[in-house]
Amino acid sequence: MIAVQTTSLGFLGSVADHVATPASRAHLMLEVAPCDAAAVEAGLVAMAELTALHQITGAYDLVAVIEAAEPEDLERAVDRIRALAGVRRAEASMLLARRPGEGNLRDDSEE
């Protein structure tokens, strides 16, 4: 389930109400046509794979975090997002598996 947060300024973001760690996760940077922003956001929030959605500044308008049990499912979700009417450009970054002691920003012993 996704909880959407809004203010008088409009859509701010959404966060999933679960903490499960799936096998595959990606961040998608999305450029959205301004007239289609609400429809794109609604389409994204309706996706089961979406775990977070935020408006951002810069060259892109939104960043979506999606999760799936299998890499193939993640790829299909990315394809569905790219096909949403109003998505002008989408850049996906797949998150790599986190391995203790291999390039982490903090010491794993602190967890």
C-alpha atoms as a PDB file:
ATOM      1  CA  MET A   1       0.000   0.000   0.000  1.00  0.00           C
ATOM      2  CA  ILE A   2       1.284   3.484  -0.895  1.00  0.00           C
ATOM      3  CA  ALA A   3       0.622   6.518   1.278  1.00  0.00           C
ATOM      4  CA  VAL A   4       0.569   9.703  -0.797  1.00  0.00           C
ATOM      5  CA  GLN A   5       1.497  12.979   0.875  1.00  0.00           C
ATOM      6  CA  THR A   6       0.119  16.208  -0.557  1.00  0.00           C
ATOM      7  CA  THR A   7       0.137  19.868   0.413  1.00  0.00           C
ATOM      8  CA  SER A   8      -1.442  23.000  -0.967  1.00  0.00           C
ATOM      9  CA  LEU A   9       1.495  23.112  -3.390  1.00  0.00           C
ATOM     10  CA  GLY A  10       0.608  19.696  -4.798  1.00  0.00           C
ATOM     11  CA  PHE A  11       2.147  16.256  -4.843  1.00  0.00           C
ATOM     12  CA  LEU A  12       5.209  15.804  -2.602  1.00  0.00           C
ATOM     13  CA  GLY A  13       5.885  12.110  -2.521  1.00  0.00           C
ATOM     14  CA  SER A  14       4.766   8.719  -1.406  1.00  0.00           C
ATOM     15  CA  VAL A  15       6.196   5.994   0.743  1.00  0.00           C
ATOM     16  CA  ALA A  16       5.364   2.320   0.959  1.00  0.00           C
ATOM     17  CA  ASP A  17       4.064   0.932   4.224  1.00  0.00           C
ATOM     18  CA  HIS A  18       6.294  -2.135   4.143  1.00  0.00           C
ATOM     19  CA  VAL A  19      10.000  -2.684   4.688  1.00  0.00           C
ATOM     20  CA  ALA A  20      10.572  -5.947   2.845  1.00  0.00           C
ATOM     21  CA  THR A  21      13.803  -6.136   0.862  1.00  0.00           C
ATOM     22  CA  PRO A  22      13.112  -7.464  -2.643  1.00  0.00           C
ATOM     23  CA  ALA A  23      15.644  -9.044  -4.940  1.00  0.00           C
ATOM     24  CA  SER A  24      15.630  -6.119  -7.395  1.00  0.00           C
ATOM     25  CA  ARG A  25      15.258  -2.359  -6.925  1.00  0.00           C
ATOM     26  CA  ALA A  26      15.666   0.646  -9.221  1.00  0.00           C
ATOM     27  CA  HIS A  27      15.492   4.425  -9.128  1.00  0.00           C
ATOM     28  CA  LEU A  28      13.907   6.065 -12.161  1.00  0.00           C
ATOM     29  CA  MET A  29      14.525   9.691 -13.003  1.00  0.00           C
ATOM     30  CA  LEU A  30      11.520  10.938 -14.965  1.00  0.00           C
ATOM     31  CA  GLU A  31      10.983  14.002 -17.119  1.00  0.00           C
ATOM     32  CA  VAL A  32       7.246  14.614 -17.345  1.00  0.00           C
ATOM     33  CA  ALA A  33       5.156  16.865 -19.574  1.00  0.00           C
ATOM     34  CA  PRO A  34       3.698  19.511 -17.211  1.00  0.00           C
ATOM     35  CA  CYS A  35       0.145  19.074 -18.522  1.00  0.00           C
ATOM     36  CA  ASP A  36       0.346  15.310 -17.866  1.00  0.00           C
ATOM     37  CA  ALA A  37       2.028  15.405 -14.436  1.00  0.00           C
ATOM     38  CA  ALA A  38      -1.071  14.488 -12.422  1.00  0.00           C
ATOM     39  CA  ALA A  39      -1.924  11.563 -14.712  1.00  0.00           C
ATOM     40  CA  VAL A  40       1.674  10.274 -14.633  1.00  0.00           C
ATOM     41  CA  GLU A  41       1.748  10.492 -10.826  1.00  0.00           C
ATOM     42  CA  ALA A  42      -1.592   8.648 -10.590  1.00  0.00           C
ATOM     43  CA  GLY A  43      -0.335   5.939 -12.944  1.00  0.00           C
ATOM     44  CA  LEU A  44       2.829   5.496 -10.916  1.00  0.00           C
ATOM     45  CA  VAL A  45       1.058   5.375  -7.546  1.00  0.00           C
ATOM     46  CA  ALA A  46      -1.260   2.667  -8.926  1.00  0.00           C
ATOM     47  CA  MET A  47       1.724   0.391  -9.636  1.00  0.00           C
ATOM     48  CA  ALA A  48       2.357  -2.363  -7.086  1.00  0.00           C
ATOM     49  CA  GLU A  49       6.125  -2.089  -7.700  1.00  0.00           C
ATOM     50  CA  LEU A  50       6.301   1.570  -6.635  1.00  0.00           C
ATOM     51  CA  THR A  51       7.714   2.104  -3.135  1.00  0.00           C
ATOM     52  CA  ALA A  52       8.472   5.843  -3.262  1.00  0.00           C
ATOM     53  CA  LEU A  53       7.819   8.805  -5.532  1.00  0.00           C
ATOM     54  CA  HIS A  54       9.246  12.297  -5.090  1.00  0.00           C
ATOM     55  CA  GLN A  55       9.248  15.588  -6.965  1.00  0.00           C
ATOM     56  CA  ILE A  56      12.799  16.825  -7.509  1.00  0.00           C
ATOM     57  CA  THR A  57      14.596  19.830  -8.958  1.00  0.00           C
ATOM     58  CA  GLY A  58      16.929  19.767 -11.935  1.00  0.00           C
ATOM     59  CA  ALA A  59      16.705  18.183 -15.372  1.00  0.00           C
ATOM     60  CA  TYR A  60      14.143  15.626 -14.188  1.00  0.00           C
ATOM     61  CA  ASP A  61      10.789  16.167 -12.473  1.00  0.00           C
ATOM     62  CA  LEU A  62      10.273  12.963 -10.480  1.00  0.00           C
ATOM     63  CA  VAL A  63      12.265  10.122  -8.998  1.00  0.00           C
ATOM     64  CA  ALA A  64      10.424   6.834  -8.575  1.00  0.00           C
ATOM     65  CA  VAL A  65      11.729   3.909  -6.546  1.00  0.00           C
ATOM     66  CA  ILE A  66      10.436   0.550  -7.691  1.00  0.00           C
ATOM     67  CA  GLU A  67      10.970  -2.974  -6.383  1.00  0.00           C
ATOM     68  CA  ALA A  68      10.280  -6.443  -7.750  1.00  0.00           C
ATOM     69  CA  ALA A  69      11.055  -9.991  -6.726  1.00  0.00           C
ATOM     70  CA  GLU A  70      12.819 -10.813 -10.009  1.00  0.00           C
ATOM     71  CA  PRO A  71      14.956  -8.697 -12.375  1.00  0.00           C
ATOM     72  CA  GLU A  72      12.609  -9.532 -15.266  1.00  0.00           C
ATOM     73  CA  ASP A  73       9.651  -8.149 -13.291  1.00  0.00           C
ATOM     74  CA  LEU A  74      11.621  -4.989 -12.604  1.00  0.00           C
ATOM     75  CA  GLU A  75      12.407  -4.584 -16.305  1.00  0.00           C
ATOM     76  CA  ARG A  76       8.708  -4.949 -17.168  1.00  0.00           C
ATOM     77  CA  ALA A  77       7.812  -2.294 -14.567  1.00  0.00           C
ATOM     78  CA  VAL A  78      10.395   0.089 -16.052  1.00  0.00           C
ATOM     79  CA  ASP A  79       8.930  -0.520 -19.522  1.00  0.00           C
ATOM     80  CA  ARG A  80       5.405   0.222 -18.234  1.00  0.00           C
ATOM     81  CA  ILE A  81       6.600   3.473 -16.654  1.00  0.00           C
ATOM     82  CA  ARG A  82       8.359   4.552 -19.848  1.00  0.00           C
ATOM     83  CA  ALA A  83       5.127   3.865 -21.761  1.00  0.00           C
ATOM     84  CA  LEU A  84       2.972   6.110 -19.531  1.00  0.00           C
ATOM     85  CA  ALA A  85       1.497   9.001 -21.504  1.00  0.00           C
ATOM     86  CA  GLY A  86       3.310  12.171 -20.466  1.00  0.00           C
ATOM     87  CA  VAL A  87       6.660  10.566 -19.620  1.00  0.00           C
ATOM     88  CA  ARG A  88       9.079  12.375 -21.931  1.00  0.00           C
ATOM     89  CA  ARG A  89      12.263  10.727 -20.703  1.00  0.00           C
ATOM     90  CA  ALA A  90      13.108   8.044 -18.155  1.00  0.00           C
ATOM     91  CA  GLU A  91      16.528   7.013 -16.905  1.00  0.00           C
ATOM     92  CA  ALA A  92      16.670   3.868 -14.771  1.00  0.00           C
ATOM     93  CA  SER A  93      19.437   3.000 -12.325  1.00  0.00           C
ATOM     94  CA  MET A  94      19.319  -0.521 -10.951  1.00  0.00           C
ATOM     95  CA  LEU A  95      20.558  -0.782  -7.375  1.00  0.00           C
ATOM     96  CA  LEU A  96      23.335  -3.284  -6.804  1.00  0.00           C
ATOM     97  CA  ALA A  97      23.249  -5.891  -4.076  1.00  0.00           C
ATOM     98  CA  ARG A  98      24.704  -4.606  -0.808  1.00  0.00           C
ATOM     99  CA  ARG A  99      27.519  -6.792   0.430  1.00  0.00           C
ATOM    100  CA  PRO A 100      28.910  -6.312   3.945  1.00  0.00           C
ATOM    101  CA  GLY A 101      32.316  -4.663   3.886  1.00  0.00           C
ATOM    102  CA  GLU A 102      32.405  -4.055   0.125  1.00  0.00           C
ATOM    103  CA  GLY A 103      32.277  -0.343  -0.609  1.00  0.00           C
ATOM    104  CA  ASN A 104      29.673   0.630   1.950  1.00  0.00           C
ATOM    105  CA  LEU A 105      29.602   4.183   3.252  1.00  0.00           C
ATOM    106  CA  ARG A 106      29.435   3.099   6.871  1.00  0.00           C
ATOM    107  CA  ASP A 107      30.739   0.237   8.960  1.00  0.00           C
ATOM    108  CA  ASP A 108      28.372  -2.769   8.901  1.00  0.00           C
ATOM    109  CA  SER A 109      29.188  -3.536  12.513  1.00  0.00           C
ATOM    110  CA  GLU A 110      27.135  -0.458  13.542  1.00  0.00           C
ATOM    111  CA  GLU A 111      23.850  -2.064  12.407  1.00  0.00           C
END
